[in-house]
Structures are given as structure tokens and as C-alpha cells.
Protein backbone atom coordinates (compact mmCIF):
# COMPACT_ATOMS: atom_id res chain seq x y z
CA UNK A 1 74.17 -147.62 88.01
CA UNK A 2 72.67 -144.48 87.26
CA UNK A 3 74.05 -143.91 83.86
CA UNK A 4 73.46 -147.49 83.06
CA UNK A 5 69.73 -146.51 83.67
CA UNK A 6 69.87 -143.22 82.44
CA UNK A 7 71.39 -144.89 79.24
CA UNK A 8 68.77 -147.87 78.88
CA UNK A 9 66.16 -145.56 79.71
CA UNK A 10 66.84 -143.20 76.84
CA UNK A 11 68.06 -146.23 74.64
CA UNK A 12 64.15 -147.64 75.10
CA UNK A 13 62.60 -144.36 74.58
CA UNK A 14 64.65 -143.79 71.64
CA UNK A 15 63.26 -147.52 69.85
CA UNK A 16 59.82 -146.51 71.03
CA UNK A 17 59.94 -143.17 69.43
CA UNK A 18 61.11 -144.21 66.21
CA UNK A 19 58.57 -147.16 66.16
CA UNK A 20 55.62 -144.78 66.68
CA UNK A 21 57.07 -141.52 65.78
CA UNK A 22 57.83 -138.54 67.67
CA UNK A 23 54.98 -137.53 69.65
CA UNK A 24 54.84 -133.71 70.62
CA UNK A 25 54.25 -134.23 74.35
CA UNK A 26 55.96 -137.59 75.25
CA UNK A 27 57.87 -137.59 78.45
CA UNK A 28 61.66 -138.40 79.46
CA UNK A 29 61.13 -141.91 81.24
CA UNK A 30 61.46 -141.85 84.96
CA UNK A 31 63.12 -145.00 86.62
CA UNK A 32 60.50 -146.94 89.00
CA UNK A 33 63.37 -149.46 90.30
CA UNK A 34 65.48 -151.71 90.00
CA UNK A 35 65.48 -155.50 90.63
CA UNK A 36 68.07 -157.89 90.31
CA UNK A 37 68.78 -158.11 86.93
CA UNK A 38 65.42 -156.08 85.69
CA UNK A 39 64.56 -152.18 85.77
CA UNK A 40 61.26 -150.47 85.34
CA UNK A 41 60.27 -147.28 83.99
CA UNK A 42 57.57 -144.93 83.15
CA UNK A 43 56.80 -141.90 80.69
CA UNK A 44 53.98 -140.08 79.49
CA UNK A 45 52.93 -140.32 76.46
CA UNK A 46 50.07 -138.01 75.68
CA UNK A 47 47.09 -138.92 77.67
CA UNK A 48 49.01 -142.57 77.89
CA UNK A 49 50.79 -143.87 80.58
CA UNK A 50 53.64 -146.14 79.44
CA UNK A 51 55.61 -148.87 81.89
CA UNK A 52 58.09 -150.68 80.69
CA UNK A 53 60.75 -152.91 81.86
CA UNK A 54 63.66 -154.57 80.51
CA UNK A 55 67.09 -156.28 80.99
CA UNK A 56 70.19 -157.10 78.83
CA UNK A 57 71.58 -160.68 78.06
CA UNK A 58 73.55 -162.46 80.57
CA UNK A 59 75.05 -164.08 78.06
CA UNK A 60 75.18 -164.00 73.99
CA UNK A 61 76.31 -166.68 71.64
CA UNK A 62 76.91 -166.59 67.85
CA UNK A 63 79.54 -166.01 65.32
CA UNK A 64 79.12 -161.98 64.57
CA UNK A 65 81.68 -159.51 64.43
CA UNK A 66 79.49 -156.71 65.62
CA UNK A 67 76.13 -156.80 67.21
CA UNK A 68 74.19 -153.60 68.69
CA UNK A 69 72.02 -153.48 72.05
CA UNK A 70 70.47 -156.66 73.04
CA UNK A 71 67.41 -156.43 75.05
CA UNK A 72 64.14 -158.32 76.64
CA UNK A 73 60.85 -155.54 77.27
CA UNK A 74 57.66 -155.83 78.74
CA UNK A 75 55.33 -153.16 78.03
CA UNK A 76 51.59 -151.96 79.94
CA UNK A 77 49.98 -148.73 78.44
CA UNK A 78 46.93 -147.51 80.48
CA UNK A 79 44.37 -146.58 80.87
CA UNK A 80 42.82 -149.22 78.74
CA UNK A 81 45.71 -149.90 76.60
CA UNK A 82 48.04 -153.18 75.82
CA UNK A 83 49.43 -154.79 78.77
CA UNK A 84 52.23 -157.49 78.92
CA UNK A 85 53.65 -157.03 75.14
CA UNK A 86 56.81 -158.66 75.04
CA UNK A 87 59.43 -157.12 72.61
CA UNK A 88 62.98 -158.86 71.99
CA UNK A 89 65.56 -156.87 70.50
CA UNK A 90 68.07 -158.44 69.00
CA UNK A 91 71.12 -155.90 68.16
CA UNK A 92 70.54 -157.11 64.39
CA UNK A 93 68.10 -157.29 61.85
CA UNK A 94 66.81 -160.68 61.54
CA UNK A 95 66.39 -163.00 58.54
CA UNK A 96 62.73 -162.43 56.99
CA UNK A 97 60.60 -165.03 57.72
CA UNK A 98 63.21 -166.82 60.09
CA UNK A 99 61.75 -168.22 63.10
CA UNK A 100 62.69 -166.92 66.27
CA UNK A 101 62.09 -169.31 69.45
CA UNK A 102 62.18 -168.12 73.03
CA UNK A 103 62.67 -170.91 76.25
CA UNK A 104 62.15 -170.76 79.35
CA UNK A 105 62.21 -173.76 81.52
CA UNK A 106 60.36 -176.77 79.45
CA UNK A 107 58.01 -174.16 77.64
CA UNK A 108 58.44 -172.97 74.14
CA UNK A 109 57.24 -169.63 72.21
CA UNK A 110 57.67 -168.97 68.45
CA UNK A 111 57.92 -165.39 67.68
CA UNK A 112 57.90 -163.54 64.46
CA UNK A 113 60.16 -160.82 63.79
CA UNK A 114 60.33 -157.26 61.98
CA UNK A 115 63.63 -155.39 61.43
CA UNK A 116 65.31 -155.93 64.82
CA UNK A 117 62.70 -156.98 67.02
CA UNK A 118 60.37 -159.92 67.72
CA UNK A 119 56.87 -160.39 68.96
CA UNK A 120 54.59 -162.90 69.93
CA UNK A 121 51.87 -163.99 67.76
CA UNK A 122 49.03 -162.99 69.50
CA UNK A 123 47.76 -161.35 73.10
CA UNK A 124 47.57 -164.65 74.69
CA UNK A 125 50.65 -165.62 73.73
CA UNK A 126 52.08 -162.70 75.25
CA UNK A 127 50.20 -163.29 78.62
CA UNK A 128 51.66 -166.92 78.59
CA UNK A 129 55.14 -166.07 77.95
CA UNK A 130 55.00 -163.81 80.93
CA UNK A 131 53.63 -165.98 83.00
CA UNK A 132 56.62 -168.44 82.07
CA UNK A 133 58.99 -165.74 82.52
CA UNK A 134 57.48 -165.06 86.25
CA UNK A 135 58.13 -168.88 86.73
CA UNK A 136 61.37 -169.21 85.11
CA UNK A 137 64.89 -168.63 86.35
CA UNK A 138 66.33 -167.72 83.31
CA UNK A 139 65.34 -167.33 79.29
CA UNK A 140 67.02 -168.48 75.80
CA UNK A 141 66.24 -166.47 72.70
CA UNK A 142 67.39 -168.21 69.47
CA UNK A 143 67.30 -166.12 66.24
CA UNK A 144 68.70 -165.84 62.65
CA UNK A 145 70.66 -162.68 61.46
CA UNK A 146 69.51 -161.60 57.86
CA UNK A 147 73.44 -162.83 57.11
CA UNK A 148 72.51 -165.65 58.22
CA UNK A 149 74.20 -166.18 61.53
CA UNK A 150 72.45 -168.32 64.17
CA UNK A 151 72.29 -166.45 67.99
CA UNK A 152 71.68 -167.79 70.98
CA UNK A 153 70.84 -165.03 74.28
CA UNK A 154 70.32 -165.95 77.80
CA UNK A 155 68.37 -163.50 79.84
CA UNK A 156 68.52 -164.04 83.98
CA UNK A 157 64.83 -163.95 85.50
CA UNK A 158 66.05 -163.13 88.86
CA UNK A 159 63.86 -159.54 89.39
CA UNK A 160 61.58 -159.81 86.47
CA UNK A 161 58.61 -160.57 88.73
CA UNK A 162 59.10 -157.59 91.25
CA UNK A 163 59.69 -155.59 87.99
CA UNK A 164 56.86 -156.74 86.76
CA UNK A 165 54.80 -155.79 89.70
CA UNK A 166 56.02 -152.16 89.81
CA UNK A 167 55.30 -151.52 85.95
CA UNK A 168 51.60 -153.08 86.94
CA UNK A 169 51.29 -151.20 90.14
CA UNK A 170 52.04 -148.07 87.96
CA UNK A 171 50.08 -148.51 85.06
CA UNK A 172 47.13 -149.99 86.62
CA UNK A 173 44.17 -149.44 84.37
């Protein structure tokens, strides 16, 4: 389990650093805990504390030959930074302008994509999606690769609320 957590934290740190550049004072992530199917981490990026949680899918469907790592992440930045930023990493580059749909229970959310990652359109959408995830049992993500392959990934939400509380407490504003 420790190897999985280290691999996950290193993977996510690499994603964050590739997306934002390599800050000279970024530190290696520390594990805040594992909560059923979700894990929580933190690291310092200059004067900003970054707390994030993530999970891999419990099931993936689609007619694909190969696919990279698949994750759902929720990120907070403190002090005074963004909260509840939901990111879906597909393990492939999304088709340009193709919709990505997240469904939790009877609620659906439309996301936009760039490269291999999808995000909600607004901060309010992030907060609504996080609220649905806290109340849900599982979540499905449907997207289309740049090759036209339709995929559906199912994520367990068991442990989501506990992991969310861990990152919220650690990155309290």
C-alpha cells in the first residue's frame, strides 16, 4: 500500500508540476491518509499549501488498446486559494470539443477538456459536483478520446467524505 501511495503522490506531483511549471521550492507530497477508495496528500508550493485527494476507477469500459493512468482529483490551495477544484485525468487526450460527462446518482455535470484532463466550467460547478460526490456511492465519467474511442470509467465514492475532510482541515484558510 505504501508503494501505491508513493507512486500516486509522485504521479500527481508530476502532473501538477508539468501543468504549472517546476517551482524551485515545491516539496514532495506527504500522505494525509487513505480513506477506503480515496487517498489524501499535501505539499508546499512556495507560500502556498496544496492539499489534494484522488482515486482510480473501479471499472473502465471502452474499446481501447492502451491507456495511461486514470484519476479523479479534488484540490485545495491555502491560504486564500482555490477550493474544490475537480480534475478528471482520462489516461488519453480527449477529442477536441467533445463533451465529458460526470454522473453521480441522478445528477449529471458537463465538463470541458484540454489534453488528457477535464474540469468543470465554474467554481460553482466544482462545489456542486463535490457536494454530489459527498452524497453519492459511485460516479461515472464518460468521454471520447482524440481517436474517437468512447470510454466510461466508474469511481467508488467510498471514503470520499473522509478524504475531503482531511484536505479541508489541513488546508483551512
